[in-house]
Protein backbone atom coordinates (compact mmCIF):
# COMPACT_ATOMS: atom_id res chain seq x y z
CA UNK A 1 7.17 -15.51 -23.44
CA UNK A 2 6.87 -14.94 -19.62
CA UNK A 3 9.46 -14.23 -17.08
CA UNK A 4 9.31 -16.79 -14.38
CA UNK A 5 10.28 -16.37 -10.78
CA UNK A 6 9.99 -18.79 -8.11
CA UNK A 7 11.70 -20.49 -4.80
CA UNK A 8 13.43 -23.22 -6.55
CA UNK A 9 13.89 -21.55 -9.98
CA UNK A 10 16.46 -19.12 -11.18
CA UNK A 11 14.54 -16.06 -12.72
CA UNK A 12 14.42 -16.38 -16.66
CA UNK A 13 12.21 -15.60 -19.84
CA UNK A 14 10.61 -18.94 -20.94
CA UNK A 15 7.63 -19.54 -23.41
CA UNK A 16 4.35 -20.01 -21.86
CA UNK A 17 4.15 -23.73 -22.48
CA UNK A 18 7.58 -24.53 -21.06
CA UNK A 19 6.65 -22.31 -18.13
CA UNK A 20 3.61 -24.29 -17.29
CA UNK A 21 5.42 -27.75 -17.70
CA UNK A 22 8.11 -26.55 -15.39
CA UNK A 23 5.04 -25.51 -12.81
CA UNK A 24 3.55 -29.08 -13.65
CA UNK A 25 7.01 -30.78 -12.82
CA UNK A 26 7.10 -29.36 -9.24
CA UNK A 27 3.27 -29.95 -8.49
CA UNK A 28 2.65 -26.23 -8.14
CA UNK A 29 0.78 -23.52 -9.97
CA UNK A 30 1.88 -20.82 -12.53
CA UNK A 31 0.25 -17.63 -11.32
CA UNK A 32 0.71 -14.25 -13.19
CA UNK A 33 1.87 -11.70 -10.74
CA UNK A 34 2.23 -8.65 -13.36
CA UNK A 35 0.43 -8.77 -16.18
CA UNK A 36 1.77 -5.15 -17.41
CA UNK A 37 5.48 -5.81 -17.36
CA UNK A 38 7.02 -6.69 -20.41
CA UNK A 39 7.30 -9.54 -20.47
CA UNK A 40 4.71 -10.58 -17.92
CA UNK A 41 5.93 -11.83 -14.67
CA UNK A 42 4.56 -15.37 -13.26
CA UNK A 43 5.52 -16.97 -10.37
CA UNK A 44 5.39 -20.54 -9.34
CA UNK A 45 3.72 -21.30 -6.29
CA UNK A 46 0.97 -23.25 -4.35
CA UNK A 47 -2.13 -21.15 -5.30
CA UNK A 48 -4.23 -22.42 -2.63
CA UNK A 49 -1.62 -21.66 0.12
CA UNK A 50 -1.29 -18.28 -1.63
CA UNK A 51 -5.11 -17.28 -1.39
CA UNK A 52 -4.75 -18.72 2.16
CA UNK A 53 -2.17 -16.22 3.22
CA UNK A 54 -3.86 -13.22 1.35
CA UNK A 55 -6.87 -13.91 3.66
CA UNK A 56 -4.82 -14.12 6.60
CA UNK A 57 -3.09 -10.99 5.78
CA UNK A 58 -6.60 -9.50 5.06
CA UNK A 59 -7.81 -10.71 8.79
CA UNK A 60 -4.88 -9.15 10.47
CA UNK A 61 -5.37 -5.64 8.77
CA UNK A 62 -9.16 -5.80 9.62
CA UNK A 63 -8.02 -6.79 13.45
CA UNK A 64 -5.58 -3.90 13.74
CA UNK A 65 -8.09 -1.15 12.25
CA UNK A 66 -9.26 1.21 14.73
CA UNK A 67 -13.24 0.20 15.67
CA UNK A 68 -15.27 3.64 16.23
CA UNK A 69 -17.15 3.68 19.29
CA UNK A 70 -19.96 5.87 19.60
CA UNK A 71 -21.38 6.76 23.20
CA UNK A 72 -24.77 8.31 23.86
CA UNK A 73 -25.45 11.01 26.19
CA UNK A 74 -29.03 12.21 26.84
CA UNK A 75 -30.05 15.53 27.87
CA UNK A 76 -33.52 17.36 28.58
CA UNK A 77 -34.12 20.95 27.42
CA UNK A 78 -34.31 22.11 31.24
CA UNK A 79 -31.13 19.99 32.39
CA UNK A 80 -29.97 21.16 35.86
CA UNK A 81 -26.18 22.54 36.38
CA UNK A 82 -25.50 19.62 38.39
CA UNK A 83 -26.69 16.99 36.00
CA UNK A 84 -25.01 18.95 33.04
CA UNK A 85 -21.54 18.76 34.80
CA UNK A 86 -21.83 15.10 35.51
CA UNK A 87 -22.93 14.16 31.90
CA UNK A 88 -20.03 16.41 30.71
CA UNK A 89 -17.58 14.39 33.08
CA UNK A 90 -18.61 11.28 31.53
CA UNK A 91 -18.49 12.50 27.99
CA UNK A 92 -14.68 13.88 28.72
CA UNK A 93 -13.75 10.48 29.93
CA UNK A 94 -15.32 8.64 26.60
CA UNK A 95 -13.54 11.00 24.48
CA UNK A 96 -10.23 10.30 26.18
CA UNK A 97 -10.66 6.55 25.78
CA UNK A 98 -11.13 7.60 22.07
CA UNK A 99 -14.64 6.98 21.42
CA UNK A 100 -17.08 9.50 19.67
CA UNK A 101 -19.98 11.01 21.76
CA UNK A 102 -23.36 11.55 20.44
CA UNK A 103 -25.19 14.08 22.69
CA UNK A 104 -28.75 14.60 22.32
CA UNK A 105 -31.48 16.52 23.71
CA UNK A 106 -34.82 14.64 24.19
CA UNK A 107 -38.03 16.83 23.87
CA UNK A 108 -41.14 15.25 25.75
CA UNK A 109 -44.54 16.28 24.99
CA UNK A 110 -44.96 20.19 24.68
CA UNK A 111 -41.02 20.66 25.63
CA UNK A 112 -40.38 20.62 21.50
CA UNK A 113 -41.43 24.63 21.78
CA UNK A 114 -38.10 25.12 23.45
CA UNK A 115 -35.85 24.01 20.34
CA UNK A 116 -33.72 27.00 21.34
CA UNK A 117 -32.90 25.93 24.89
CA UNK A 118 -32.16 22.58 23.17
CA UNK A 119 -29.55 23.91 21.22
CA UNK A 120 -28.02 26.28 23.60
CA UNK A 121 -27.48 23.20 25.93
CA UNK A 122 -25.63 21.33 23.11
CA UNK A 123 -23.53 24.56 22.17
CA UNK A 124 -22.49 25.02 25.70
CA UNK A 125 -21.75 21.08 25.99
CA UNK A 126 -19.49 21.55 22.83
CA UNK A 127 -17.70 24.52 24.18
CA UNK A 128 -17.07 22.94 27.65
CA UNK A 129 -15.34 19.81 25.60
CA UNK A 130 -13.34 22.12 23.14
CA UNK A 131 -10.02 21.28 24.69
CA UNK A 132 -10.29 17.34 23.89
CA UNK A 133 -12.95 17.19 21.31
CA UNK A 134 -14.12 18.58 18.26
CA UNK A 135 -17.70 18.81 16.75
CA UNK A 136 -18.19 16.67 14.04
CA UNK A 137 -21.94 17.35 13.26
CA UNK A 138 -23.65 20.71 14.54
CA UNK A 139 -27.24 20.48 16.45
CA UNK A 140 -29.69 19.08 14.06
CA UNK A 141 -33.35 18.25 15.09
CA UNK A 142 -34.63 14.92 13.99
CA UNK A 143 -37.88 14.33 15.08
CA UNK A 144 -38.25 14.90 19.22
CA UNK A 145 -34.54 14.77 19.20
CA UNK A 146 -31.81 17.56 18.84
CA UNK A 147 -28.51 15.28 18.11
CA UNK A 148 -24.83 16.68 17.87
CA UNK A 149 -21.98 14.33 17.39
CA UNK A 150 -18.55 14.97 18.94
CA UNK A 151 -15.23 13.24 18.02
CA UNK A 152 -12.14 13.05 20.05
CA UNK A 153 -9.23 15.36 18.85
CA UNK A 154 -6.19 13.57 17.21
CA UNK A 155 -3.34 13.41 19.17
């Protein structure tokens, strides 16, 4: 026994064979919608059309979901104040647009001995952007780079 629902059918409980024959008469498919219900609920629909519409809905949901953009800003361990402020202004604009900002200090040659300078610059960068961004990942040394990620604060 199954409960049958559909566009041209009054909702009622039928034996499975009868429900299948009703669907066949209309040239449609009998699709189980709620197997856990007592009795199980089946709907008479065009199954291919149903799949197509589900796929279309999934595409719409995917299109509406926010895509995360990561902008990268590179500094050096000896970055000057003017350059620092210039890059800070760009980072501010990126965060206002809703993008994440990946700030990295790149150590060339022997400048790797100034790891502490790199960390100080990154932390200064983070404190300057505190009003519109939050640190997602603290400064971490990876090879010859020290990387920090700042995400925009939710509105």
